[in-house]
N, C-alpha and C. Protein backbone atom coordinates (compact mmCIF):
# COMPACT_ATOMS: atom_id res chain seq x y z
N MET A 1 -6.23 -9.75 7.15
CA MET A 1 -5.06 -9.73 6.34
C MET A 1 -4.32 -10.83 6.56
N GLU A 2 -4.25 -11.44 7.46
CA GLU A 2 -3.40 -12.62 7.82
C GLU A 2 -3.95 -13.81 7.30
N LEU A 3 -5.41 -13.98 7.45
CA LEU A 3 -5.95 -15.12 6.67
C LEU A 3 -5.76 -14.92 5.41
N HIS A 4 -5.98 -13.73 4.62
CA HIS A 4 -5.62 -13.64 3.11
C HIS A 4 -4.23 -14.27 2.80
N THR A 5 -3.35 -14.01 3.65
CA THR A 5 -1.78 -14.36 3.10
C THR A 5 -1.59 -15.75 3.86
N THR A 6 -2.54 -16.46 4.52
CA THR A 6 -2.20 -18.06 4.89
C THR A 6 -3.27 -19.18 4.31
N VAL A 7 -4.51 -18.59 4.22
CA VAL A 7 -5.50 -19.42 3.53
C VAL A 7 -5.89 -19.24 2.19
N GLY A 8 -5.38 -17.92 1.96
CA GLY A 8 -6.05 -17.16 0.59
C GLY A 8 -7.50 -16.61 0.64
N PRO A 9 -7.69 -15.73 -0.36
CA PRO A 9 -9.00 -15.03 -0.27
C PRO A 9 -9.96 -16.08 -0.53
N ALA A 10 -9.87 -17.28 -0.74
CA ALA A 10 -11.28 -18.21 -0.74
C ALA A 10 -11.60 -18.38 0.60
N GLY A 11 -10.48 -18.79 1.17
CA GLY A 11 -10.67 -19.08 2.59
C GLY A 11 -10.83 -18.23 3.73
N ALA A 12 -10.68 -17.04 3.33
CA ALA A 12 -10.70 -16.05 4.38
C ALA A 12 -12.30 -15.52 4.20
N THR A 13 -13.31 -16.28 4.87
CA THR A 13 -14.67 -15.92 4.82
C THR A 13 -14.96 -15.13 5.97
N ILE A 14 -15.86 -14.33 5.95
CA ILE A 14 -16.28 -13.71 6.89
C ILE A 14 -16.44 -14.36 8.27
N SER A 15 -16.79 -15.44 8.35
CA SER A 15 -17.05 -16.37 9.50
C SER A 15 -15.66 -16.55 9.92
N ALA A 16 -14.51 -17.09 9.04
CA ALA A 16 -13.44 -17.36 9.63
C ALA A 16 -12.74 -15.90 9.88
N ILE A 17 -12.99 -14.83 9.51
CA ILE A 17 -12.34 -13.70 10.01
C ILE A 17 -12.95 -13.23 11.37
N ALA A 18 -14.23 -13.35 11.37
CA ALA A 18 -14.67 -13.16 12.78
C ALA A 18 -14.39 -14.13 13.87
N GLU A 19 -14.12 -15.39 13.62
CA GLU A 19 -13.61 -16.31 14.32
C GLU A 19 -12.34 -15.99 14.67
N ARG A 20 -11.25 -15.69 14.06
CA ARG A 20 -10.12 -15.14 14.20
C ARG A 20 -9.69 -14.15 15.03
N ALA A 21 -10.76 -13.02 14.98
CA ALA A 21 -10.62 -11.79 15.80
C ALA A 21 -11.37 -12.03 16.90
N GLY A 22 -12.24 -13.34 17.04
CA GLY A 22 -12.77 -13.47 18.51
C GLY A 22 -14.17 -12.72 18.55
N VAL A 23 -14.89 -12.39 17.23
CA VAL A 23 -15.95 -11.74 17.51
C VAL A 23 -16.99 -12.13 16.84
N GLN A 24 -18.34 -11.94 16.65
CA GLN A 24 -19.37 -12.22 15.86
C GLN A 24 -19.45 -11.70 14.22
N ARG A 25 -19.99 -12.50 13.52
CA ARG A 25 -19.99 -12.20 12.10
C ARG A 25 -20.45 -10.61 12.04
N HIS A 26 -21.36 -10.27 12.83
CA HIS A 26 -22.11 -8.65 12.68
C HIS A 26 -21.03 -8.12 12.91
N THR A 27 -20.11 -8.03 13.85
CA THR A 27 -19.08 -7.01 14.09
C THR A 27 -18.31 -6.86 12.83
N VAL A 28 -17.96 -7.75 12.09
CA VAL A 28 -17.17 -7.84 10.98
C VAL A 28 -18.06 -6.78 10.13
N TYR A 29 -19.16 -7.28 9.94
CA TYR A 29 -20.04 -6.17 8.84
C TYR A 29 -20.73 -4.93 9.49
N ALA A 30 -20.30 -4.90 10.61
CA ALA A 30 -20.49 -3.33 11.32
C ALA A 30 -19.17 -2.59 10.75
N HIS A 31 -18.13 -3.25 10.38
CA HIS A 31 -16.91 -2.37 9.97
C HIS A 31 -16.71 -2.58 8.48
N PHE A 32 -17.28 -3.39 7.92
CA PHE A 32 -17.27 -3.69 6.14
C PHE A 32 -18.56 -3.97 5.97
N ARG A 33 -18.99 -3.18 4.91
CA ARG A 33 -20.10 -3.50 4.39
C ARG A 33 -20.35 -4.87 3.71
N ASP A 34 -19.38 -5.13 2.68
CA ASP A 34 -19.40 -6.47 2.27
C ASP A 34 -17.77 -7.04 1.96
N ASP A 35 -17.69 -8.10 1.26
CA ASP A 35 -16.70 -8.72 1.32
C ASP A 35 -15.42 -7.88 0.20
N ALA A 36 -16.11 -7.31 -0.67
CA ALA A 36 -15.24 -6.31 -1.68
C ALA A 36 -14.78 -5.29 -0.75
N GLU A 37 -15.43 -4.58 0.11
CA GLU A 37 -14.89 -3.50 0.99
C GLU A 37 -13.73 -4.02 1.84
N LEU A 38 -14.02 -5.16 2.45
CA LEU A 38 -13.14 -5.90 3.32
C LEU A 38 -11.75 -6.13 2.48
N PHE A 39 -11.82 -6.93 1.52
CA PHE A 39 -10.89 -7.29 0.82
C PHE A 39 -10.15 -6.48 0.11
N ALA A 40 -10.73 -4.88 -0.17
CA ALA A 40 -10.11 -3.51 -0.63
C ALA A 40 -9.13 -3.11 0.66
N ALA A 41 -9.87 -2.85 1.79
CA ALA A 41 -9.16 -2.59 2.89
C ALA A 41 -7.76 -3.47 3.13
N CYS A 42 -8.25 -4.77 3.09
CA CYS A 42 -6.83 -5.73 3.56
C CYS A 42 -5.83 -5.49 2.18
N SER A 43 -6.32 -5.36 1.06
CA SER A 43 -5.26 -5.14 -0.12
C SER A 43 -4.37 -3.80 0.27
N ARG A 44 -4.97 -2.68 0.54
CA ARG A 44 -4.31 -1.69 0.84
C ARG A 44 -3.35 -1.56 1.84
N LEU A 45 -3.86 -2.21 3.03
CA LEU A 45 -2.95 -2.50 4.17
C LEU A 45 -1.78 -3.28 3.78
N TRP A 46 -2.01 -4.27 3.21
CA TRP A 46 -0.69 -5.06 2.68
C TRP A 46 0.13 -4.52 1.92
N SER A 47 -0.66 -3.56 0.83
CA SER A 47 0.58 -2.98 -0.18
C SER A 47 1.29 -1.88 0.65
N GLU A 48 0.60 -1.27 1.57
CA GLU A 48 1.56 -0.34 2.56
C GLU A 48 2.50 -0.99 3.54
N ARG A 49 2.28 -2.17 3.58
CA ARG A 49 3.27 -2.71 4.46
C ARG A 49 4.17 -3.37 3.49
N ASN A 50 4.15 -3.65 2.41
CA ASN A 50 4.98 -4.18 1.16
C ASN A 50 4.93 -3.54 0.01
N PRO A 51 5.19 -1.90 0.14
CA PRO A 51 5.01 -1.59 -1.01
C PRO A 51 6.31 -2.18 -2.46
N PRO A 52 5.44 -2.51 -3.41
CA PRO A 52 6.39 -2.67 -4.60
C PRO A 52 7.36 -1.74 -5.28
N PRO A 53 8.31 -1.98 -6.00
CA PRO A 53 9.12 -1.20 -6.59
C PRO A 53 8.49 -0.41 -7.49
N ASP A 54 8.90 0.59 -7.60
CA ASP A 54 8.42 2.06 -8.87
C ASP A 54 8.64 2.07 -10.24
N PRO A 55 7.75 1.42 -11.06
CA PRO A 55 8.19 1.30 -12.44
C PRO A 55 8.77 2.74 -13.22
N ALA A 56 8.10 3.87 -12.33
CA ALA A 56 8.25 5.16 -12.97
C ALA A 56 9.82 5.53 -12.76
N GLY A 57 10.54 4.81 -11.40
CA GLY A 57 11.95 5.03 -11.52
C GLY A 57 12.98 4.31 -12.42
N TRP A 58 12.21 3.32 -12.91
CA TRP A 58 12.94 2.65 -13.83
C TRP A 58 13.28 3.15 -15.13
N VAL A 59 12.09 4.02 -15.48
CA VAL A 59 12.10 4.42 -17.00
C VAL A 59 13.12 5.73 -17.02
N ARG A 60 13.71 6.13 -15.71
CA ARG A 60 14.70 7.20 -15.98
C ARG A 60 16.11 6.67 -16.37
N VAL A 61 16.19 5.08 -16.32
CA VAL A 61 17.41 4.55 -16.79
C VAL A 61 17.27 4.47 -18.44
N ALA A 62 18.11 5.23 -18.92
CA ALA A 62 18.05 5.65 -20.44
C ALA A 62 18.34 4.24 -21.47
N ASP A 63 19.27 3.47 -20.82
CA ASP A 63 19.58 2.25 -21.75
C ASP A 63 18.52 1.13 -21.53
N PRO A 64 17.88 0.81 -22.60
CA PRO A 64 16.75 -0.33 -22.36
C PRO A 64 17.04 -1.56 -21.76
N HIS A 65 18.22 -1.93 -22.11
CA HIS A 65 18.98 -3.32 -21.60
C HIS A 65 19.19 -3.09 -20.33
N GLU A 66 19.70 -2.01 -19.80
CA GLU A 66 20.27 -1.97 -18.46
C GLU A 66 18.97 -1.51 -17.45
N ARG A 67 18.03 -1.10 -18.09
CA ARG A 67 16.71 -0.65 -17.41
C ARG A 67 16.13 -2.15 -17.33
N THR A 68 16.30 -2.98 -18.14
CA THR A 68 15.44 -4.42 -18.07
C THR A 68 16.14 -5.16 -16.79
N ARG A 69 17.46 -5.11 -16.67
CA ARG A 69 18.33 -5.80 -15.78
C ARG A 69 17.91 -5.37 -14.17
N ILE A 70 17.68 -4.06 -14.12
CA ILE A 70 17.61 -3.16 -13.11
C ILE A 70 16.32 -3.38 -12.52
N ALA A 71 15.21 -3.15 -13.33
CA ALA A 71 13.74 -3.36 -13.30
C ALA A 71 13.73 -4.94 -12.42
N LEU A 72 14.00 -5.76 -13.28
CA LEU A 72 13.74 -7.19 -12.94
C LEU A 72 14.53 -7.66 -11.61
N ALA A 73 15.68 -7.01 -11.47
CA ALA A 73 16.35 -7.31 -10.29
C ALA A 73 15.48 -6.81 -8.91
N GLU A 74 15.10 -5.57 -9.07
CA GLU A 74 14.38 -5.03 -7.90
C GLU A 74 13.18 -5.94 -7.94
N LEU A 75 12.53 -5.93 -8.89
CA LEU A 75 11.21 -6.79 -8.92
C LEU A 75 11.03 -8.35 -8.25
N TYR A 76 12.15 -9.23 -8.71
CA TYR A 76 12.61 -10.17 -8.16
C TYR A 76 13.08 -10.20 -6.78
N ALA A 77 13.50 -9.07 -6.34
CA ALA A 77 13.93 -8.99 -4.93
C ALA A 77 12.51 -8.96 -3.79
N TYR A 78 11.61 -7.92 -4.56
CA TYR A 78 10.47 -8.04 -4.24
C TYR A 78 9.67 -9.12 -3.93
N TRP A 79 9.62 -9.86 -5.11
CA TRP A 79 8.51 -11.19 -5.23
C TRP A 79 9.35 -12.03 -3.93
N ALA A 80 10.72 -12.10 -3.89
CA ALA A 80 11.34 -12.88 -2.87
C ALA A 80 10.84 -12.52 -1.43
N SER A 81 10.76 -11.21 -1.22
CA SER A 81 10.15 -10.57 -0.05
C SER A 81 8.75 -11.22 0.36
N THR A 82 8.15 -10.97 -0.58
CA THR A 82 6.79 -11.17 -0.52
C THR A 82 6.26 -12.73 -0.77
N ALA A 83 7.19 -13.55 -0.91
CA ALA A 83 6.69 -15.09 -1.63
C ALA A 83 5.92 -15.67 -0.75
N ASP A 84 5.88 -15.66 0.38
CA ASP A 84 4.94 -16.57 1.12
C ASP A 84 3.69 -15.92 1.02
N ASP A 85 3.40 -14.43 1.16
CA ASP A 85 2.23 -13.93 1.03
C ASP A 85 1.54 -14.47 -0.22
N LEU A 86 2.45 -13.87 -1.23
CA LEU A 86 1.88 -14.02 -2.53
C LEU A 86 1.47 -15.43 -3.08
N ALA A 87 1.83 -16.37 -2.59
CA ALA A 87 1.81 -17.79 -2.78
C ALA A 87 0.30 -18.25 -2.38
N ALA A 88 -0.04 -17.53 -1.12
CA ALA A 88 -1.45 -17.69 -0.96
C ALA A 88 -2.26 -16.92 -1.22
N LEU A 89 -1.95 -15.75 -1.73
CA LEU A 89 -2.88 -14.73 -2.33
C LEU A 89 -3.38 -14.74 -3.84
N LEU A 90 -2.56 -15.10 -4.50
CA LEU A 90 -2.83 -14.90 -5.97
C LEU A 90 -3.36 -16.48 -6.47
N PRO A 91 -3.07 -17.60 -6.23
CA PRO A 91 -3.76 -18.58 -6.82
C PRO A 91 -5.48 -18.74 -6.40
N GLY A 92 -6.06 -18.73 -7.48
CA GLY A 92 -7.43 -18.79 -7.13
C GLY A 92 -8.11 -17.43 -6.86
N ALA A 93 -7.43 -16.28 -6.60
CA ALA A 93 -8.01 -15.06 -6.20
C ALA A 93 -9.01 -14.71 -7.22
N GLU A 94 -8.71 -14.89 -8.71
CA GLU A 94 -9.72 -14.79 -9.56
C GLU A 94 -11.12 -14.84 -9.59
N ARG A 95 -11.13 -16.28 -8.95
CA ARG A 95 -12.59 -16.81 -8.50
C ARG A 95 -13.46 -16.25 -7.46
N VAL A 96 -12.65 -15.30 -6.52
CA VAL A 96 -13.49 -14.54 -5.55
C VAL A 96 -13.65 -13.44 -6.02
N PRO A 97 -15.03 -13.22 -6.13
CA PRO A 97 -15.76 -11.65 -6.91
C PRO A 97 -15.36 -10.54 -5.98
N ALA A 98 -15.07 -10.73 -4.65
CA ALA A 98 -14.64 -9.51 -3.94
C ALA A 98 -13.42 -9.14 -4.34
N MET A 99 -12.58 -10.08 -4.89
CA MET A 99 -11.10 -9.57 -5.04
C MET A 99 -10.91 -8.80 -6.57
N ALA A 100 -12.12 -8.73 -7.31
CA ALA A 100 -12.03 -7.84 -8.45
C ALA A 100 -11.32 -6.77 -8.58
N GLY A 101 -11.58 -5.98 -7.47
CA GLY A 101 -10.75 -4.78 -7.50
C GLY A 101 -9.48 -4.80 -7.36
N PRO A 102 -8.82 -5.61 -6.06
CA PRO A 102 -7.77 -5.58 -5.69
C PRO A 102 -6.74 -6.47 -6.76
N LEU A 103 -7.52 -7.20 -7.79
CA LEU A 103 -6.56 -8.00 -8.66
C LEU A 103 -6.42 -6.88 -10.20
N ARG A 104 -7.50 -5.89 -10.24
CA ARG A 104 -7.45 -4.92 -11.08
C ARG A 104 -6.26 -4.10 -11.30
N GLU A 105 -6.35 -3.64 -9.59
CA GLU A 105 -5.05 -2.88 -9.13
C GLU A 105 -3.78 -3.66 -9.34
N TRP A 106 -3.37 -4.85 -8.96
CA TRP A 106 -2.41 -5.82 -9.15
C TRP A 106 -2.14 -5.60 -10.45
N GLN A 107 -3.23 -6.07 -11.60
CA GLN A 107 -2.74 -6.05 -12.89
C GLN A 107 -2.44 -4.92 -13.42
N GLY A 108 -2.94 -3.43 -12.98
CA GLY A 108 -2.35 -2.73 -13.39
C GLY A 108 -0.63 -2.12 -13.03
N PHE A 109 -0.31 -2.53 -11.77
CA PHE A 109 0.96 -2.45 -11.30
C PHE A 109 1.79 -3.60 -12.48
N ILE A 110 1.49 -4.91 -12.68
CA ILE A 110 2.15 -5.62 -13.60
C ILE A 110 2.29 -5.11 -14.97
N ASP A 111 1.41 -4.75 -15.58
CA ASP A 111 1.31 -3.93 -16.87
C ASP A 111 1.91 -2.79 -16.71
N SER A 112 1.94 -1.74 -15.99
CA SER A 112 3.40 -0.82 -15.87
C SER A 112 4.60 -1.01 -15.74
N ALA A 113 4.99 -2.30 -14.93
CA ALA A 113 6.27 -2.56 -14.88
C ALA A 113 6.62 -3.43 -16.09
N ALA A 114 5.83 -4.09 -16.90
CA ALA A 114 6.15 -4.45 -17.98
C ALA A 114 6.47 -3.49 -19.38
N ALA A 115 5.51 -2.45 -19.25
CA ALA A 115 5.53 -1.33 -20.34
C ALA A 115 7.04 -0.68 -20.07
N ALA A 116 7.46 -0.41 -18.60
CA ALA A 116 8.59 0.21 -18.39
C ALA A 116 9.69 -0.33 -19.07
N LEU A 117 9.89 -1.92 -19.25
CA LEU A 117 10.62 -2.66 -19.72
C LEU A 117 11.11 -2.29 -21.25
N LEU A 118 9.94 -1.68 -22.26
CA LEU A 118 9.84 -1.49 -23.35
C LEU A 118 10.21 -0.19 -23.66
N ARG A 119 10.00 0.88 -22.88
CA ARG A 119 9.93 2.01 -22.88
C ARG A 119 11.48 2.48 -23.76
N GLY A 120 11.30 3.40 -24.75
CA GLY A 120 12.52 3.76 -25.37
C GLY A 120 13.14 2.66 -26.52
N ARG A 121 12.38 1.71 -26.78
CA ARG A 121 12.72 0.90 -27.95
C ARG A 121 12.41 0.86 -29.08
N GLY A 122 11.44 1.90 -29.33
CA GLY A 122 10.80 2.27 -30.57
C GLY A 122 9.91 1.13 -31.42
N LEU A 123 9.28 0.29 -30.63
CA LEU A 123 8.93 -0.64 -31.11
C LEU A 123 7.25 -0.80 -31.73
N ARG A 124 6.95 -1.09 -32.81
CA ARG A 124 5.57 -1.09 -33.29
C ARG A 124 5.33 -2.33 -33.94
N GLY A 125 3.71 -2.47 -33.82
CA GLY A 125 3.28 -3.87 -34.53
C GLY A 125 3.40 -4.85 -33.81
N ALA A 126 3.80 -5.90 -34.81
CA ALA A 126 4.28 -7.39 -34.34
C ALA A 126 5.09 -7.53 -33.21
N ARG A 127 6.12 -6.75 -33.74
CA ARG A 127 7.44 -6.67 -32.46
C ARG A 127 6.78 -6.44 -31.33
N ARG A 128 6.40 -5.27 -31.21
CA ARG A 128 6.00 -4.74 -29.76
C ARG A 128 5.14 -5.75 -29.23
N ARG A 129 4.38 -6.36 -29.74
CA ARG A 129 3.14 -7.32 -29.24
C ARG A 129 3.97 -8.58 -28.52
N ARG A 130 4.91 -8.74 -29.20
CA ARG A 130 6.07 -9.85 -29.24
C ARG A 130 6.89 -9.47 -27.73
N ALA A 131 7.29 -8.54 -28.07
CA ALA A 131 8.40 -7.85 -26.82
C ALA A 131 7.17 -7.49 -25.54
N LEU A 132 6.22 -7.21 -25.57
CA LEU A 132 5.50 -7.08 -24.59
C LEU A 132 4.76 -8.29 -23.86
N ALA A 133 4.49 -9.53 -24.74
CA ALA A 133 4.34 -10.57 -24.04
C ALA A 133 5.76 -11.09 -23.40
N ALA A 134 6.63 -10.89 -23.84
CA ALA A 134 8.12 -11.28 -23.27
C ALA A 134 8.20 -10.48 -22.15
N ALA A 135 7.98 -9.22 -22.04
CA ALA A 135 8.12 -8.56 -20.85
C ALA A 135 6.93 -9.13 -19.56
N GLY A 136 5.80 -9.10 -20.19
CA GLY A 136 4.83 -9.59 -19.40
C GLY A 136 5.05 -10.82 -18.72
N LEU A 137 5.58 -11.54 -19.32
CA LEU A 137 6.01 -13.09 -18.64
C LEU A 137 7.10 -12.71 -17.72
N ALA A 138 8.15 -12.16 -18.01
CA ALA A 138 9.37 -11.41 -16.95
C ALA A 138 8.75 -10.89 -16.09
N VAL A 139 7.64 -9.87 -15.83
CA VAL A 139 7.65 -9.59 -14.54
C VAL A 139 6.62 -10.13 -13.84
N GLN A 140 5.95 -11.30 -14.09
CA GLN A 140 5.16 -12.39 -13.03
C GLN A 140 5.87 -12.69 -12.16
N HIS A 141 5.11 -12.85 -10.82
CA HIS A 141 5.46 -13.39 -9.92
C HIS A 141 5.55 -15.06 -9.91
N GLU A 142 4.84 -15.48 -10.73
CA GLU A 142 4.87 -16.83 -11.06
C GLU A 142 6.11 -17.38 -11.80
N THR A 143 6.65 -16.47 -12.86
CA THR A 143 7.68 -16.65 -13.50
C THR A 143 8.84 -16.67 -12.53
N TRP A 144 9.13 -15.81 -11.62
CA TRP A 144 10.12 -15.93 -10.64
C TRP A 144 10.19 -17.09 -9.87
N ARG A 145 8.55 -17.42 -9.49
CA ARG A 145 8.64 -18.65 -8.57
C ARG A 145 9.13 -20.01 -9.65
N ALA A 146 8.70 -20.03 -10.82
CA ALA A 146 9.09 -20.78 -11.61
C ALA A 146 10.36 -20.97 -11.82
N LEU A 147 11.14 -20.31 -11.89
CA LEU A 147 12.67 -19.88 -12.05
C LEU A 147 13.49 -20.07 -11.04
N VAL A 148 13.21 -19.51 -9.83
CA VAL A 148 13.96 -19.42 -8.70
C VAL A 148 13.27 -20.37 -7.63
N GLN A 149 12.29 -20.43 -7.19
CA GLN A 149 11.60 -21.38 -6.04
C GLN A 149 11.79 -22.85 -6.29
N ARG A 150 11.18 -22.98 -7.74
CA ARG A 150 11.03 -23.98 -8.17
C ARG A 150 12.27 -24.61 -9.09
N GLY A 151 12.68 -23.82 -9.75
CA GLY A 151 13.77 -23.97 -10.78
C GLY A 151 15.18 -24.16 -10.21
N GLY A 152 15.35 -23.46 -9.02
CA GLY A 152 16.53 -23.62 -8.26
C GLY A 152 17.69 -22.47 -8.88
N MET A 153 16.98 -21.60 -9.57
CA MET A 153 18.00 -20.67 -10.45
C MET A 153 18.41 -19.51 -9.14
N LEU A 154 19.72 -19.07 -9.21
CA LEU A 154 19.81 -17.97 -8.41
C LEU A 154 19.16 -16.42 -9.23
N PRO A 155 18.65 -15.75 -8.26
CA PRO A 155 17.89 -14.54 -8.47
C PRO A 155 18.57 -13.81 -9.87
N GLU A 156 19.97 -13.67 -9.54
CA GLU A 156 20.71 -12.88 -10.69
C GLU A 156 20.82 -13.87 -12.15
N GLU A 157 20.76 -14.94 -11.99
CA GLU A 157 20.42 -15.99 -13.19
C GLU A 157 19.08 -15.70 -13.91
N ALA A 158 18.27 -15.89 -12.99
CA ALA A 158 16.60 -15.51 -13.54
C ALA A 158 16.41 -14.14 -14.25
N VAL A 159 17.21 -13.09 -13.45
CA VAL A 159 17.15 -11.80 -13.91
C VAL A 159 17.61 -11.71 -15.53
N ALA A 160 19.04 -12.47 -15.71
CA ALA A 160 19.59 -12.59 -16.80
C ALA A 160 18.90 -13.13 -17.87
N LEU A 161 18.31 -14.13 -17.47
CA LEU A 161 17.60 -14.95 -18.35
C LEU A 161 16.31 -14.29 -19.11
N MET A 162 15.60 -13.81 -18.10
CA MET A 162 14.25 -12.98 -18.46
C MET A 162 14.92 -11.84 -19.17
N ALA A 163 15.82 -11.01 -19.03
CA ALA A 163 16.53 -9.98 -19.47
C ALA A 163 16.54 -10.17 -21.13
N ASP A 164 17.27 -11.11 -21.19
CA ASP A 164 17.58 -11.56 -22.59
C ASP A 164 16.58 -11.97 -23.51
N LEU A 165 15.51 -12.70 -22.75
CA LEU A 165 14.45 -12.91 -23.39
C LEU A 165 13.60 -11.66 -23.84
N VAL A 166 13.45 -10.59 -23.33
CA VAL A 166 12.98 -9.37 -23.50
C VAL A 166 13.82 -8.56 -24.68
N ASP A 167 14.98 -8.74 -24.58
CA ASP A 167 16.05 -8.03 -25.47
C ASP A 167 15.56 -8.88 -26.63
N GLU A 168 15.68 -10.21 -26.66
CA GLU A 168 15.63 -10.83 -28.06
C GLU A 168 14.29 -10.61 -28.68
N ALA A 169 13.30 -10.52 -27.76
CA ALA A 169 11.82 -10.35 -28.40
C ALA A 169 11.85 -9.02 -28.99
N ALA A 170 12.33 -7.91 -28.28
CA ALA A 170 12.41 -6.76 -28.90
C ALA A 170 13.28 -6.45 -29.92
N GLY A 171 14.21 -7.55 -30.41
CA GLY A 171 15.05 -7.38 -31.44
C GLY A 171 16.17 -6.33 -31.42
N GLY A 172 16.31 -5.98 -30.33
CA GLY A 172 17.14 -5.13 -30.20
C GLY A 172 17.23 -3.60 -30.72
N ALA A 173 15.94 -3.41 -30.71
CA ALA A 173 15.64 -2.10 -31.35
C ALA A 173 15.39 -1.11 -30.24
N VAL A 174 16.29 -0.06 -30.62
CA VAL A 174 16.56 1.03 -29.60
C VAL A 174 16.18 2.22 -30.06
N ARG A 175 15.32 3.16 -29.79
CA ARG A 175 15.14 4.33 -30.15
C ARG A 175 15.87 5.57 -29.48
N GLU A 176 16.80 6.36 -29.95
CA GLU A 176 17.61 7.33 -29.36
C GLU A 176 17.04 8.41 -28.91
């Protein structure tokens, strides 16, 4: 897991893992049948140590505008607390076949976070697609990095900007 969060999945070869652990490659394979099993175990451990916010809790906030702000504030705090690890893990992970499973789980989390921002807004058709695209952008780790880490915005400024984007894309449509 340490190699995954420092050199990234592509650099965390079985040879590198064995060397880091001070064992032979066959010892690593004695515990993990293949790279996919190893990466899945590392992803589970990392998630246990760094549990993400729960989108199910956000949907209990009735007002969609307030829900968006609360959700993004929690999510951006999570991105801040896991920034170094994710900066090594995410770029290029899609090019590592063994990361397919963990990336599907990660995308499921991102999709559920975006969906939670739109719940109760009564959106259909093109407006829903537009709002879902804005929400999907707002919840991305890379968006947080672009705004806060590289852009120099305060976290609360980034939350306000992205919440306004989602609200604008949704057209203010709220279902009571």
